[in-house]
PDB file of N, CA and C in Angstrom:
ATOM      1  N   MET A   1       0.847  -1.178   0.000  1.00  0.00           N
ATOM      2  CA  MET A   1       0.000   0.000   0.000  1.00  0.00           C
ATOM      3  C   MET A   1       0.895   1.245   0.000  1.00  0.00           C
ATOM      4  N   THR A   2       0.628   2.160  -0.911  1.00  0.00           N
ATOM      5  CA  THR A   2       1.408   3.390  -0.980  1.00  0.00           C
ATOM      6  C   THR A   2       0.702   4.495  -0.214  1.00  0.00           C
ATOM      7  N   LYS A   3       1.495   5.362   0.370  1.00  0.00           N
ATOM      8  CA  LYS A   3       0.931   6.496   1.107  1.00  0.00           C
ATOM      9  C   LYS A   3       0.730   7.662   0.150  1.00  0.00           C
ATOM     10  N   GLN A   4      -0.261   8.490   0.457  1.00  0.00           N
ATOM     11  CA  GLN A   4      -0.534   9.698  -0.316  1.00  0.00           C
ATOM     12  C   GLN A   4       0.632  10.660  -0.144  1.00  0.00           C
ATOM     13  N   THR A   5       1.150  11.190  -1.242  1.00  0.00           N
ATOM     14  CA  THR A   5       2.235  12.167  -1.170  1.00  0.00           C
ATOM     15  C   THR A   5       1.691  13.554  -1.488  1.00  0.00           C
ATOM     16  N   TYR A   6       2.345  14.549  -0.916  1.00  0.00           N
ATOM     17  CA  TYR A   6       1.941  15.937  -1.093  1.00  0.00           C
ATOM     18  C   TYR A   6       3.153  16.737  -1.545  1.00  0.00           C
ATOM     19  N   ARG A   7       2.952  17.679  -2.439  1.00  0.00           N
ATOM     20  CA  ARG A   7       4.024  18.480  -3.011  1.00  0.00           C
ATOM     21  C   ARG A   7       4.246  19.760  -2.206  1.00  0.00           C
ATOM     22  N   PRO A   8       5.478  20.279  -2.214  1.00  0.00           N
ATOM     23  CA  PRO A   8       5.746  21.568  -1.568  1.00  0.00           C
ATOM     24  C   PRO A   8       4.847  22.660  -2.154  1.00  0.00           C
ATOM     25  N   GLY A   9       4.340  23.531  -1.295  1.00  0.00           N
ATOM     26  CA  GLY A   9       3.455  24.611  -1.735  1.00  0.00           C
ATOM     27  C   GLY A   9       1.994  24.236  -1.726  1.00  0.00           C
ATOM     28  N   GLN A  10       1.693  22.947  -1.699  1.00  0.00           N
ATOM     29  CA  GLN A  10       0.314  22.468  -1.660  1.00  0.00           C
ATOM     30  C   GLN A  10      -0.248  22.703  -0.258  1.00  0.00           C
ATOM     31  N   PRO A  11      -1.512  23.108  -0.114  1.00  0.00           N
ATOM     32  CA  PRO A  11      -2.091  23.278   1.226  1.00  0.00           C
ATOM     33  C   PRO A  11      -2.136  21.940   1.968  1.00  0.00           C
ATOM     34  N   ALA A  12      -1.753  21.938   3.225  1.00  0.00           N
ATOM     35  CA  ALA A  12      -1.781  20.714   4.036  1.00  0.00           C
ATOM     36  C   ALA A  12      -3.222  20.301   4.283  1.00  0.00           C
ATOM     37  N   PRO A  13      -3.584  19.047   4.002  1.00  0.00           N
ATOM     38  CA  PRO A  13      -4.962  18.601   4.208  1.00  0.00           C
ATOM     39  C   PRO A  13      -5.332  18.451   5.688  1.00  0.00           C
ATOM     40  N   VAL A  14      -4.341  18.156   6.548  1.00  0.00           N
ATOM     41  CA  VAL A  14      -4.563  18.014   7.988  1.00  0.00           C
ATOM     42  C   VAL A  14      -3.360  18.574   8.731  1.00  0.00           C
ATOM     43  N   SER A  15      -3.552  18.978   9.989  1.00  0.00           N
ATOM     44  CA  SER A  15      -2.433  19.377  10.827  1.00  0.00           C
ATOM     45  C   SER A  15      -1.688  18.106  11.226  1.00  0.00           C
ATOM     46  N   ALA A  16      -0.376  18.080  10.965  1.00  0.00           N
ATOM     47  CA  ALA A  16       0.370  16.848  11.217  1.00  0.00           C
ATOM     48  C   ALA A  16       1.871  17.074  11.100  1.00  0.00           C
ATOM     49  N   GLN A  17       2.611  16.000  11.449  1.00  0.00           N
ATOM     50  CA  GLN A  17       4.036  15.922  11.157  1.00  0.00           C
ATOM     51  C   GLN A  17       4.129  15.327   9.759  1.00  0.00           C
ATOM     52  N   TYR A  18       4.845  15.986   8.864  1.00  0.00           N
ATOM     53  CA  TYR A  18       5.037  15.517   7.496  1.00  0.00           C
ATOM     54  C   TYR A  18       6.501  15.164   7.303  1.00  0.00           C
ATOM     55  N   GLU A  19       6.757  13.955   6.803  1.00  0.00           N
ATOM     56  CA  GLU A  19       8.132  13.542   6.531  1.00  0.00           C
ATOM     57  C   GLU A  19       8.454  13.783   5.058  1.00  0.00           C
ATOM     58  N   ILE A  20       9.681  14.258   4.809  1.00  0.00           N
ATOM     59  CA  ILE A  20      10.142  14.451   3.440  1.00  0.00           C
ATOM     60  C   ILE A  20      10.545  13.093   2.882  1.00  0.00           C
ATOM     61  N   VAL A  21      10.068  12.786   1.672  1.00  0.00           N
ATOM     62  CA  VAL A  21      10.434  11.543   0.989  1.00  0.00           C
ATOM     63  C   VAL A  21      11.055  11.888  -0.359  1.00  0.00           C
ATOM     64  N   GLY A  22      11.921  10.994  -0.821  1.00  0.00           N
ATOM     65  CA  GLY A  22      12.596  11.199  -2.097  1.00  0.00           C
ATOM     66  C   GLY A  22      11.684  10.937  -3.284  1.00  0.00           C
ATOM     67  N   PRO A  23      12.191  11.157  -4.491  1.00  0.00           N
ATOM     68  CA  PRO A  23      11.390  10.985  -5.710  1.00  0.00           C
ATOM     69  C   PRO A  23      10.829   9.568  -5.887  1.00  0.00           C
ATOM     70  N   ARG A  24      11.534   8.560  -5.359  1.00  0.00           N
ATOM     71  CA  ARG A  24      11.056   7.176  -5.474  1.00  0.00           C
ATOM     72  C   ARG A  24      10.430   6.668  -4.186  1.00  0.00           C
ATOM     73  N   GLY A  25      10.170   7.568  -3.234  1.00  0.00           N
ATOM     74  CA  GLY A  25       9.482   7.192  -2.003  1.00  0.00           C
ATOM     75  C   GLY A  25      10.380   6.853  -0.834  1.00  0.00           C
ATOM     76  N   GLY A  26      11.679   6.985  -0.987  1.00  0.00           N
ATOM     77  CA  GLY A  26      12.590   6.697   0.122  1.00  0.00           C
ATOM     78  C   GLY A  26      12.459   7.738   1.222  1.00  0.00           C
ATOM     79  N   ARG A  27      12.375   7.262   2.451  1.00  0.00           N
ATOM     80  CA  ARG A  27      12.192   8.167   3.589  1.00  0.00           C
ATOM     81  C   ARG A  27      13.518   8.802   3.978  1.00  0.00           C
ATOM     82  N   THR A  28      13.463  10.094   4.343  1.00  0.00           N
ATOM     83  CA  THR A  28      14.678  10.830   4.697  1.00  0.00           C
ATOM     84  C   THR A  28      14.880  10.958   6.199  1.00  0.00           C
ATOM     85  N   GLY A  29      13.817  10.795   6.979  1.00  0.00           N
ATOM     86  CA  GLY A  29      13.910  10.970   8.427  1.00  0.00           C
ATOM     87  C   GLY A  29      13.736  12.418   8.858  1.00  0.00           C
ATOM     88  N   SER A  30      13.606  13.326   7.910  1.00  0.00           N
ATOM     89  CA  SER A  30      13.434  14.746   8.197  1.00  0.00           C
ATOM     90  C   SER A  30      11.943  15.078   8.187  1.00  0.00           C
ATOM     91  N   GLU A  31      11.463  15.702   9.268  1.00  0.00           N
ATOM     92  CA  GLU A  31      10.038  16.010   9.391  1.00  0.00           C
ATOM     93  C   GLU A  31       9.794  17.499   9.574  1.00  0.00           C
ATOM     94  N   ARG A  32       8.608  17.930   9.197  1.00  0.00           N
ATOM     95  CA  ARG A  32       8.148  19.305   9.380  1.00  0.00           C
ATOM     96  C   ARG A  32       6.757  19.253   9.994  1.00  0.00           C
ATOM     97  N   THR A  33       6.460  20.177  10.896  1.00  0.00           N
ATOM     98  CA  THR A  33       5.118  20.291  11.460  1.00  0.00           C
ATOM     99  C   THR A  33       4.377  21.356  10.665  1.00  0.00           C
ATOM    100  N   VAL A  34       3.208  20.983  10.148  1.00  0.00           N
ATOM    101  CA  VAL A  34       2.434  21.910   9.321  1.00  0.00           C
ATOM    102  C   VAL A  34       0.990  21.924   9.805  1.00  0.00           C
ATOM    103  N   VAL A  35       0.413  23.118   9.890  1.00  0.00           N
ATOM    104  CA  VAL A  35      -0.977  23.309  10.305  1.00  0.00           C
ATOM    105  C   VAL A  35      -1.881  23.186   9.084  1.00  0.00           C
ATOM    106  N   ARG A  36      -3.058  22.614   9.285  1.00  0.00           N
ATOM    107  CA  ARG A  36      -4.036  22.425   8.206  1.00  0.00           C
ATOM    108  C   ARG A  36      -4.248  23.714   7.407  1.00  0.00           C
ATOM    109  N   ARG A  37      -4.322  23.560   6.115  1.00  0.00           N
ATOM    110  CA  ARG A  37      -4.551  24.624   5.126  1.00  0.00           C
ATOM    111  C   ARG A  37      -3.348  25.541   4.894  1.00  0.00           C
ATOM    112  N   GLU A  38      -2.270  25.386   5.653  1.00  0.00           N
ATOM    113  CA  GLU A  38      -1.046  26.163   5.403  1.00  0.00           C
ATOM    114  C   GLU A  38      -0.266  25.461   4.286  1.00  0.00           C
ATOM    115  N   PRO A  39       0.468  26.210   3.468  1.00  0.00           N
ATOM    116  CA  PRO A  39       1.241  25.559   2.400  1.00  0.00           C
ATOM    117  C   PRO A  39       2.413  24.756   2.971  1.00  0.00           C
ATOM    118  N   LEU A  40       2.668  23.607   2.370  1.00  0.00           N
ATOM    119  CA  LEU A  40       3.814  22.800   2.778  1.00  0.00           C
ATOM    120  C   LEU A  40       5.094  23.540   2.368  1.00  0.00           C
ATOM    121  N   PRO A  41       6.114  23.528   3.230  1.00  0.00           N
ATOM    122  CA  PRO A  41       7.334  24.289   2.939  1.00  0.00           C
ATOM    123  C   PRO A  41       8.154  23.667   1.807  1.00  0.00           C
ATOM    124  N   PRO A  42       9.085  24.440   1.250  1.00  0.00           N
ATOM    125  CA  PRO A  42       9.966  23.891   0.208  1.00  0.00           C
ATOM    126  C   PRO A  42      10.807  22.735   0.762  1.00  0.00           C
ATOM    127  N   THR A  43      11.154  21.797  -0.099  1.00  0.00           N
ATOM    128  CA  THR A  43      12.014  20.681   0.296  1.00  0.00           C
ATOM    129  C   THR A  43      13.464  21.030  -0.045  1.00  0.00           C
ATOM    130  N   PRO A  44      14.414  20.358   0.620  1.00  0.00           N
ATOM    131  CA  PRO A  44      15.823  20.670   0.371  1.00  0.00           C
ATOM    132  C   PRO A  44      16.294  20.376  -1.060  1.00  0.00           C
ATOM    133  N   LYS A  45      15.709  19.354  -1.703  1.00  0.00           N
ATOM    134  CA  LYS A  45      16.137  18.965  -3.053  1.00  0.00           C
ATOM    135  C   LYS A  45      14.939  18.873  -3.983  1.00  0.00           C
ATOM    136  N   PRO A  46      15.137  19.135  -5.267  1.00  0.00           N
ATOM    137  CA  PRO A  46      14.036  19.004  -6.232  1.00  0.00           C
ATOM    138  C   PRO A  46      13.526  17.556  -6.301  1.00  0.00           C
ATOM    139  N   GLY A  47      12.242  17.387  -6.555  1.00  0.00           N
ATOM    140  CA  GLY A  47      11.650  16.060  -6.714  1.00  0.00           C
ATOM    141  C   GLY A  47      11.180  15.428  -5.420  1.00  0.00           C
ATOM    142  N   GLN A  48      11.494  16.040  -4.279  1.00  0.00           N
ATOM    143  CA  GLN A  48      11.048  15.482  -3.010  1.00  0.00           C
ATOM    144  C   GLN A  48       9.609  15.897  -2.733  1.00  0.00           C
ATOM    145  N   SER A  49       8.938  15.133  -1.877  1.00  0.00           N
ATOM    146  CA  SER A  49       7.558  15.435  -1.497  1.00  0.00           C
ATOM    147  C   SER A  49       7.375  15.069  -0.026  1.00  0.00           C
ATOM    148  N   TYR A  50       6.141  15.097   0.445  1.00  0.00           N
ATOM    149  CA  TYR A  50       5.830  14.851   1.848  1.00  0.00           C
ATOM    150  C   TYR A  50       4.817  13.722   1.998  1.00  0.00           C
ATOM    151  N   ILE A  51       4.899  13.013   3.154  1.00  0.00           N
ATOM    152  CA  ILE A  51       3.866  12.068   3.564  1.00  0.00           C
ATOM    153  C   ILE A  51       3.506  12.386   5.012  1.00  0.00           C
ATOM    154  N   VAL A  52       2.266  12.090   5.408  1.00  0.00           N
ATOM    155  CA  VAL A  52       1.838  12.295   6.794  1.00  0.00           C
ATOM    156  C   VAL A  52       2.375  11.132   7.623  1.00  0.00           C
ATOM    157  N   VAL A  53       3.089  11.459   8.718  1.00  0.00           N
ATOM    158  CA  VAL A  53       3.597  10.403   9.593  1.00  0.00           C
ATOM    159  C   VAL A  53       2.948  10.423  10.976  1.00  0.00           C
ATOM    160  N   ASP A  54       2.456  11.568  11.423  1.00  0.00           N
ATOM    161  CA  ASP A  54       1.848  11.653  12.749  1.00  0.00           C
ATOM    162  C   ASP A  54       0.807  12.764  12.781  1.00  0.00           C
ATOM    163  N   PRO A  55      -0.476  12.427  12.544  1.00  0.00           N
ATOM    164  CA  PRO A  55      -1.526  13.454  12.602  1.00  0.00           C
ATOM    165  C   PRO A  55      -1.607  14.063  14.001  1.00  0.00           C
ATOM    166  N   THR A  56      -1.878  15.341  14.074  1.00  0.00           N
ATOM    167  CA  THR A  56      -1.997  16.059  15.335  1.00  0.00           C
ATOM    168  C   THR A  56      -3.299  15.688  16.020  1.00  0.00           C
ATOM    169  N   LYS A  57      -3.223  15.500  17.323  1.00  0.00           N
ATOM    170  CA  LYS A  57      -4.435  15.216  18.109  1.00  0.00           C
ATOM    171  C   LYS A  57      -5.170  16.524  18.342  1.00  0.00           C
ATOM    172  N   ASN A  58      -6.478  16.538  18.138  1.00  0.00           N
ATOM    173  CA  ASN A  58      -7.283  17.724  18.310  1.00  0.00           C
ATOM    174  C   ASN A  58      -7.987  17.651  19.647  1.00  0.00           C
ATOM    175  N   ARG A  59      -7.700  18.561  20.558  1.00  0.00           N
ATOM    176  CA  ARG A  59      -8.280  18.549  21.907  1.00  0.00           C
ATOM    177  C   ARG A  59      -9.784  18.757  21.920  1.00  0.00           C
ATOM    178  N   SER A  60     -10.291  19.590  21.019  1.00  0.00           N
ATOM    179  CA  SER A  60     -11.709  19.956  21.069  1.00  0.00           C
ATOM    180  C   SER A  60     -12.630  18.870  20.558  1.00  0.00           C
ATOM    181  N   GLY A  61     -12.066  17.889  19.850  1.00  0.00           N
ATOM    182  CA  GLY A  61     -12.908  16.816  19.314  1.00  0.00           C
ATOM    183  C   GLY A  61     -13.506  17.152  17.967  1.00  0.00           C
ATOM    184  N   ARG A  62     -13.285  18.389  17.501  1.00  0.00           N
ATOM    185  CA  ARG A  62     -13.787  18.781  16.181  1.00  0.00           C
ATOM    186  C   ARG A  62     -12.819  18.335  15.106  1.00  0.00           C
ATOM    187  N   LYS A  63     -13.348  18.126  13.903  1.00  0.00           N
ATOM    188  CA  LYS A  63     -12.497  17.741  12.762  1.00  0.00           C
ATOM    189  C   LYS A  63     -12.294  18.899  11.834  1.00  0.00           C
TER     190      LYS A  63
END
């Protein structure tokens, strides 16, 4: 099963920790925290993208 990847500059679908992955899906171990609807930051190298590794827990119970 492949994980959904997101491109730099794309609005984050959920607040979460996003890990940078290489062009062929290799994990880098480098993560960024991004808030929902904020654009994902630039990656260090061209062709890299993001995957969600740890969704943020919402205290209020709202989605």
